[in-house]
N, C-alpha and C. Protein backbone atom coordinates (compact mmCIF):
# COMPACT_ATOMS: atom_id res chain seq x y z
N MET A 1 25.90 -14.37 8.43
CA MET A 1 25.27 -13.50 7.32
C MET A 1 23.72 -13.43 7.62
N GLU A 2 23.18 -12.34 7.41
CA GLU A 2 21.64 -12.12 7.54
C GLU A 2 20.99 -12.80 6.46
N LYS A 3 19.85 -13.56 6.72
CA LYS A 3 19.10 -14.20 5.57
C LYS A 3 18.17 -12.99 5.03
N ILE A 4 18.06 -13.11 3.75
CA ILE A 4 17.29 -12.07 3.02
C ILE A 4 15.88 -13.04 2.65
N TYR A 5 14.67 -12.60 3.11
CA TYR A 5 13.53 -13.27 2.59
C TYR A 5 12.96 -12.69 1.30
N SER A 6 12.09 -13.52 0.70
CA SER A 6 11.71 -13.35 -0.77
C SER A 6 10.99 -11.85 -0.87
N PHE A 7 10.17 -11.59 0.10
CA PHE A 7 9.63 -10.22 -0.03
C PHE A 7 10.56 -9.00 0.03
N GLU A 8 11.73 -9.22 0.57
CA GLU A 8 12.71 -8.27 0.62
C GLU A 8 13.38 -7.92 -0.61
N LYS A 9 13.21 -9.01 -1.55
CA LYS A 9 13.77 -8.82 -2.97
C LYS A 9 12.84 -8.12 -3.82
N LEU A 10 11.49 -7.98 -3.41
CA LEU A 10 10.62 -7.32 -4.34
C LEU A 10 10.64 -5.74 -4.31
N LYS A 11 10.85 -5.20 -5.49
CA LYS A 11 11.06 -3.89 -5.80
C LYS A 11 9.71 -3.19 -5.27
N VAL A 12 8.54 -3.71 -5.56
CA VAL A 12 7.40 -3.14 -5.36
C VAL A 12 7.16 -3.05 -3.72
N TRP A 13 7.71 -3.99 -2.94
CA TRP A 13 7.78 -3.82 -1.45
C TRP A 13 8.52 -2.68 -1.00
N GLU A 14 9.68 -2.51 -1.62
CA GLU A 14 10.56 -1.37 -1.25
C GLU A 14 9.86 0.00 -1.57
N GLU A 15 9.21 -0.02 -2.79
CA GLU A 15 8.50 1.23 -3.22
C GLU A 15 7.30 1.43 -2.19
N SER A 16 6.70 0.44 -1.90
CA SER A 16 5.49 0.62 -0.89
C SER A 16 6.04 1.03 0.38
N ARG A 17 7.13 0.61 0.89
CA ARG A 17 7.60 1.09 2.16
C ARG A 17 7.85 2.67 2.14
N VAL A 18 8.45 3.20 0.95
CA VAL A 18 8.60 4.61 0.81
C VAL A 18 7.25 5.26 0.90
N PHE A 19 6.24 4.61 0.28
CA PHE A 19 4.84 5.22 0.40
C PHE A 19 4.36 5.40 1.74
N VAL A 20 4.60 4.28 2.55
CA VAL A 20 4.13 4.30 3.88
C VAL A 20 4.78 5.55 4.77
N LYS A 21 6.17 5.78 4.47
CA LYS A 21 6.84 6.81 5.13
C LYS A 21 6.06 8.06 4.69
N TRP A 22 5.60 8.03 3.46
CA TRP A 22 5.02 9.37 3.01
C TRP A 22 3.67 9.61 3.65
N ILE A 23 2.94 8.74 3.79
CA ILE A 23 1.57 8.59 4.40
C ILE A 23 1.65 9.02 5.84
N TYR A 24 2.81 8.36 6.61
CA TYR A 24 3.13 8.89 7.98
C TYR A 24 3.27 10.34 7.99
N LYS A 25 4.27 10.84 7.27
CA LYS A 25 4.63 12.37 7.34
C LYS A 25 3.48 13.10 6.87
N THR A 26 2.64 12.82 5.87
CA THR A 26 1.50 13.53 5.55
C THR A 26 0.40 13.64 6.62
N THR A 27 0.14 12.61 7.25
CA THR A 27 -0.78 12.54 8.25
C THR A 27 -0.42 13.16 9.48
N GLU A 28 0.87 13.47 9.62
CA GLU A 28 1.29 14.27 10.86
C GLU A 28 0.56 15.78 10.86
N SER A 29 0.33 16.20 9.75
CA SER A 29 -0.24 17.56 9.69
C SER A 29 -1.83 17.57 9.90
N PHE A 30 -2.46 16.36 10.05
CA PHE A 30 -3.90 16.28 10.21
C PHE A 30 -4.24 16.79 11.53
N PRO A 31 -5.35 17.27 11.69
CA PRO A 31 -5.78 17.84 13.10
C PRO A 31 -5.72 16.71 14.10
N VAL A 32 -5.47 17.22 15.34
CA VAL A 32 -5.31 16.28 16.41
C VAL A 32 -6.36 15.23 16.63
N SER A 33 -7.56 15.94 16.31
CA SER A 33 -8.93 15.12 16.45
C SER A 33 -8.97 13.92 15.36
N GLU A 34 -8.09 14.00 14.32
CA GLU A 34 -8.07 13.05 13.31
C GLU A 34 -6.94 12.11 13.21
N ARG A 35 -5.98 12.23 14.17
CA ARG A 35 -4.94 11.45 14.20
C ARG A 35 -5.20 9.94 14.36
N PHE A 36 -6.32 9.67 15.27
CA PHE A 36 -6.67 8.42 15.43
C PHE A 36 -7.77 7.92 14.59
N GLY A 37 -8.45 8.82 13.85
CA GLY A 37 -9.57 8.63 12.98
C GLY A 37 -9.09 8.40 11.59
N LEU A 38 -9.27 9.33 10.68
CA LEU A 38 -8.90 9.16 9.29
C LEU A 38 -7.30 8.96 9.17
N GLY A 39 -6.51 9.73 9.91
CA GLY A 39 -5.18 9.60 9.90
C GLY A 39 -4.61 8.15 10.26
N GLY A 40 -5.29 7.63 11.29
CA GLY A 40 -5.08 6.28 11.74
C GLY A 40 -5.37 5.30 10.65
N GLN A 41 -6.46 5.45 10.05
CA GLN A 41 -6.96 4.55 9.01
C GLN A 41 -6.01 4.50 7.78
N LEU A 42 -5.52 5.86 7.38
CA LEU A 42 -4.68 5.87 6.28
C LEU A 42 -3.26 5.04 6.74
N ARG A 43 -2.87 5.32 7.81
CA ARG A 43 -1.71 4.62 8.18
C ARG A 43 -1.80 3.07 8.26
N ARG A 44 -2.86 2.59 8.74
CA ARG A 44 -3.10 1.16 8.86
C ARG A 44 -3.24 0.66 7.39
N ALA A 45 -3.91 1.24 6.51
CA ALA A 45 -4.22 0.76 5.28
C ALA A 45 -2.81 0.80 4.53
N SER A 46 -2.09 1.70 4.58
CA SER A 46 -0.74 1.92 3.98
C SER A 46 0.21 0.64 4.35
N VAL A 47 0.26 0.37 5.70
CA VAL A 47 0.91 -0.68 6.35
C VAL A 47 0.42 -2.03 5.78
N SER A 48 -0.85 -2.11 5.64
CA SER A 48 -1.51 -3.29 4.98
C SER A 48 -0.92 -3.74 3.70
N VAL A 49 -0.67 -2.73 2.92
CA VAL A 49 0.00 -2.93 1.69
C VAL A 49 1.33 -3.75 1.63
N VAL A 50 2.26 -3.21 2.59
CA VAL A 50 3.46 -3.78 2.65
C VAL A 50 3.42 -5.22 3.30
N SER A 51 2.61 -5.19 4.32
CA SER A 51 2.42 -6.44 5.15
C SER A 51 1.75 -7.65 4.30
N ASN A 52 0.72 -7.28 3.40
CA ASN A 52 0.30 -8.24 2.67
C ASN A 52 1.20 -8.74 1.35
N LEU A 53 2.07 -7.82 1.01
CA LEU A 53 3.19 -8.09 -0.02
C LEU A 53 4.04 -9.19 0.62
N ALA A 54 4.40 -8.87 1.79
CA ALA A 54 5.45 -9.80 2.53
C ALA A 54 4.70 -11.15 2.85
N GLU A 55 3.63 -11.09 3.39
CA GLU A 55 2.76 -12.37 3.62
C GLU A 55 2.54 -13.24 2.41
N GLY A 56 2.09 -12.57 1.28
CA GLY A 56 1.90 -13.23 0.10
C GLY A 56 3.09 -13.81 -0.47
N SER A 57 4.23 -13.25 -0.39
CA SER A 57 5.50 -13.91 -0.87
C SER A 57 5.90 -15.14 -0.09
N ALA A 58 5.38 -15.24 1.15
CA ALA A 58 5.76 -16.51 1.94
C ALA A 58 4.87 -17.59 1.82
N ARG A 59 3.75 -17.39 1.13
CA ARG A 59 2.79 -18.52 0.69
C ARG A 59 3.26 -19.48 -0.20
N LYS A 60 3.00 -20.64 -0.03
CA LYS A 60 3.44 -21.71 -0.86
C LYS A 60 2.74 -21.74 -2.26
N SER A 61 1.30 -21.78 -2.24
CA SER A 61 0.54 -21.91 -3.47
C SER A 61 0.39 -20.62 -4.16
N ALA A 62 0.41 -20.64 -5.48
CA ALA A 62 0.08 -19.53 -6.35
C ALA A 62 -1.24 -18.91 -5.96
N LYS A 63 -2.18 -19.58 -5.43
CA LYS A 63 -3.57 -19.00 -5.42
C LYS A 63 -3.38 -18.22 -3.96
N ASP A 64 -2.81 -18.83 -3.07
CA ASP A 64 -2.60 -17.96 -1.89
C ASP A 64 -1.80 -16.76 -2.09
N GLN A 65 -0.79 -16.77 -2.67
CA GLN A 65 0.01 -15.65 -3.08
C GLN A 65 -0.72 -14.57 -3.70
N ALA A 66 -1.44 -15.05 -4.86
CA ALA A 66 -2.26 -14.01 -5.54
C ALA A 66 -3.32 -13.53 -4.68
N HIS A 67 -3.82 -14.23 -3.68
CA HIS A 67 -4.88 -13.63 -2.81
C HIS A 67 -4.29 -12.57 -1.96
N PHE A 68 -3.13 -12.78 -1.32
CA PHE A 68 -2.47 -11.79 -0.45
C PHE A 68 -2.05 -10.41 -1.35
N PHE A 69 -1.63 -10.70 -2.61
CA PHE A 69 -1.30 -9.60 -3.47
C PHE A 69 -2.59 -8.89 -3.72
N GLN A 70 -3.65 -9.51 -3.89
CA GLN A 70 -4.96 -8.73 -4.25
C GLN A 70 -5.30 -7.94 -3.00
N ILE A 71 -5.24 -8.45 -1.87
CA ILE A 71 -5.51 -7.61 -0.58
C ILE A 71 -4.63 -6.34 -0.57
N ALA A 72 -3.31 -6.56 -0.98
CA ALA A 72 -2.40 -5.34 -1.02
C ALA A 72 -2.92 -4.44 -1.96
N TYR A 73 -3.25 -4.86 -3.12
CA TYR A 73 -3.85 -3.92 -4.11
C TYR A 73 -5.00 -3.25 -3.56
N SER A 74 -5.97 -3.94 -2.99
CA SER A 74 -7.21 -3.44 -2.34
C SER A 74 -6.88 -2.34 -1.47
N SER A 75 -5.92 -2.59 -0.44
CA SER A 75 -5.54 -1.67 0.51
C SER A 75 -5.13 -0.44 -0.12
N LEU A 76 -4.42 -0.66 -1.23
CA LEU A 76 -3.77 0.68 -1.81
C LEU A 76 -4.94 1.55 -2.38
N ILE A 77 -6.02 0.99 -2.97
CA ILE A 77 -7.10 1.71 -3.39
C ILE A 77 -7.95 2.24 -2.19
N GLU A 78 -7.94 1.47 -1.11
CA GLU A 78 -8.56 2.16 -0.01
C GLU A 78 -7.78 3.32 0.55
N VAL A 79 -6.48 3.39 0.55
CA VAL A 79 -5.62 4.54 0.70
C VAL A 79 -6.06 5.68 -0.13
N LEU A 80 -6.27 5.42 -1.50
CA LEU A 80 -6.66 6.41 -2.40
C LEU A 80 -7.96 7.04 -1.92
N ASN A 81 -8.95 6.23 -1.69
CA ASN A 81 -10.21 6.83 -1.20
C ASN A 81 -10.07 7.64 -0.05
N GLN A 82 -9.28 7.31 0.88
CA GLN A 82 -9.07 8.05 2.16
C GLN A 82 -8.42 9.26 1.95
N LEU A 83 -7.50 9.35 1.03
CA LEU A 83 -6.85 10.69 0.61
C LEU A 83 -7.72 11.45 -0.01
N ILE A 84 -8.62 11.07 -0.88
CA ILE A 84 -9.73 11.84 -1.42
C ILE A 84 -10.69 12.55 -0.36
N VAL A 85 -11.11 11.54 0.60
CA VAL A 85 -11.97 12.10 1.51
C VAL A 85 -11.28 13.03 2.42
N SER A 86 -9.87 12.87 2.78
CA SER A 86 -9.17 13.84 3.49
C SER A 86 -9.07 15.23 2.81
N THR A 87 -9.00 15.18 1.53
CA THR A 87 -9.10 16.37 0.82
C THR A 87 -10.41 17.11 0.95
N ASP A 88 -11.46 16.30 0.82
CA ASP A 88 -12.81 16.67 0.76
C ASP A 88 -13.01 17.50 2.10
N LEU A 89 -12.41 16.93 3.14
CA LEU A 89 -12.60 17.45 4.75
C LEU A 89 -11.73 18.59 4.82
N GLY A 90 -10.71 18.90 3.75
CA GLY A 90 -9.78 19.96 4.10
C GLY A 90 -8.63 19.67 4.91
N PHE A 91 -8.34 18.35 5.06
CA PHE A 91 -7.14 18.04 5.91
C PHE A 91 -5.92 17.77 5.09
N LEU A 92 -6.15 17.61 3.67
CA LEU A 92 -5.18 17.65 2.82
C LEU A 92 -5.21 18.43 1.57
N SER A 93 -4.13 19.10 1.05
CA SER A 93 -4.19 19.95 -0.06
C SER A 93 -4.29 19.00 -1.36
N THR A 94 -4.93 19.64 -2.43
CA THR A 94 -4.96 18.90 -3.61
C THR A 94 -3.64 18.48 -4.20
N ASP A 95 -2.65 19.38 -3.95
CA ASP A 95 -1.22 18.97 -4.38
C ASP A 95 -0.73 17.66 -3.60
N LYS A 96 -1.03 17.67 -2.36
CA LYS A 96 -0.77 16.36 -1.72
C LYS A 96 -1.43 15.18 -2.28
N LEU A 97 -2.74 15.48 -2.50
CA LEU A 97 -3.64 14.44 -3.12
C LEU A 97 -2.91 14.02 -4.54
N LYS A 98 -2.57 14.82 -5.24
CA LYS A 98 -2.11 14.53 -6.52
C LYS A 98 -0.68 13.73 -6.37
N GLU A 99 0.05 14.18 -5.32
CA GLU A 99 1.28 13.39 -5.02
C GLU A 99 0.99 11.94 -4.68
N GLY A 100 -0.02 11.73 -3.69
CA GLY A 100 -0.30 10.45 -3.11
C GLY A 100 -0.83 9.50 -4.41
N ARG A 101 -1.64 10.20 -5.32
CA ARG A 101 -2.23 9.56 -6.39
C ARG A 101 -1.23 9.13 -7.28
N THR A 102 -0.22 9.93 -7.65
CA THR A 102 0.91 9.54 -8.49
C THR A 102 1.70 8.41 -8.00
N SER A 103 1.92 8.31 -6.76
CA SER A 103 2.44 7.05 -6.15
C SER A 103 1.66 5.69 -6.31
N ILE A 104 0.36 6.04 -6.04
CA ILE A 104 -0.53 4.97 -6.21
C ILE A 104 -0.57 4.46 -7.57
N GLU A 105 -0.67 5.42 -8.53
CA GLU A 105 -0.78 5.01 -9.97
C GLU A 105 0.60 4.24 -10.32
N LEU A 106 1.67 4.47 -9.76
CA LEU A 106 2.93 3.63 -10.03
C LEU A 106 2.94 2.37 -9.28
N LEU A 107 2.18 2.20 -8.17
CA LEU A 107 2.31 0.89 -7.41
C LEU A 107 1.18 -0.10 -7.85
N THR A 108 -0.01 0.43 -8.08
CA THR A 108 -1.01 -0.46 -8.49
C THR A 108 -0.71 -1.39 -9.70
N PRO A 109 -0.15 -0.95 -10.66
CA PRO A 109 0.10 -1.88 -11.87
C PRO A 109 1.11 -2.98 -11.43
N ARG A 110 2.05 -2.59 -10.66
CA ARG A 110 3.23 -3.37 -10.24
C ARG A 110 2.72 -4.55 -9.48
N ILE A 111 1.73 -4.15 -8.42
CA ILE A 111 1.19 -5.13 -7.41
C ILE A 111 0.11 -5.95 -8.47
N SER A 112 -0.46 -5.48 -9.40
CA SER A 112 -1.38 -6.09 -10.26
C SER A 112 -0.43 -7.28 -10.97
N SER A 113 0.63 -6.90 -11.49
CA SER A 113 1.52 -7.79 -12.30
C SER A 113 1.94 -8.80 -11.49
N LEU A 114 2.29 -8.58 -10.13
CA LEU A 114 2.76 -9.57 -9.14
C LEU A 114 1.71 -10.58 -8.99
N ARG A 115 0.41 -10.05 -8.88
CA ARG A 115 -0.56 -11.04 -8.74
C ARG A 115 -1.02 -12.03 -9.97
N ASN A 116 -0.85 -11.24 -11.06
CA ASN A 116 -1.03 -12.02 -12.34
C ASN A 116 0.14 -12.98 -12.50
N ALA A 117 1.30 -12.70 -12.17
CA ALA A 117 2.37 -13.76 -12.33
C ALA A 117 2.08 -14.90 -11.43
N SER A 118 1.63 -14.52 -10.30
CA SER A 118 1.34 -15.69 -9.40
C SER A 118 0.13 -16.69 -9.99
N LEU A 119 -0.98 -16.01 -10.38
CA LEU A 119 -1.94 -16.80 -11.03
C LEU A 119 -1.42 -17.52 -12.17
N SER A 120 -0.54 -16.98 -13.05
CA SER A 120 -0.18 -17.60 -14.27
C SER A 120 0.62 -18.78 -13.89
N ARG A 121 1.31 -18.97 -12.69
CA ARG A 121 2.11 -20.14 -12.39
C ARG A 121 1.12 -21.22 -12.00
N ASN A 122 -0.07 -20.93 -11.64
CA ASN A 122 -1.12 -21.96 -11.18
C ASN A 122 -1.76 -22.68 -12.49
N LEU A 123 -1.43 -22.01 -13.69
CA LEU A 123 -2.13 -22.69 -14.82
C LEU A 123 -1.44 -24.03 -15.37
């Protein structure tokens, strides 16, 4: 039987994976000149979210866990900024920006709650 790691049990990790797929599909429409620029940055930042959720869940101390969950949150905010800039530059429609923002607005409080739960274990 295959082992299930703790991060695989996190609903927010599952939801973040769906968001990564959305980012990858969305950036496919970027100009070729931006695939390794802003498009690549968006992809890396979105993957950072799921990676830091996974890494944080593997940490022993609550402080370490909270640190990685905070990085995941910050990466998500970075993605929002990059989506806004992409819209400003005409690479992304305002409808796509709204779609991305809606996902981010669902994920940020969940990641924040995960971080806060880790910190409260430390008290």
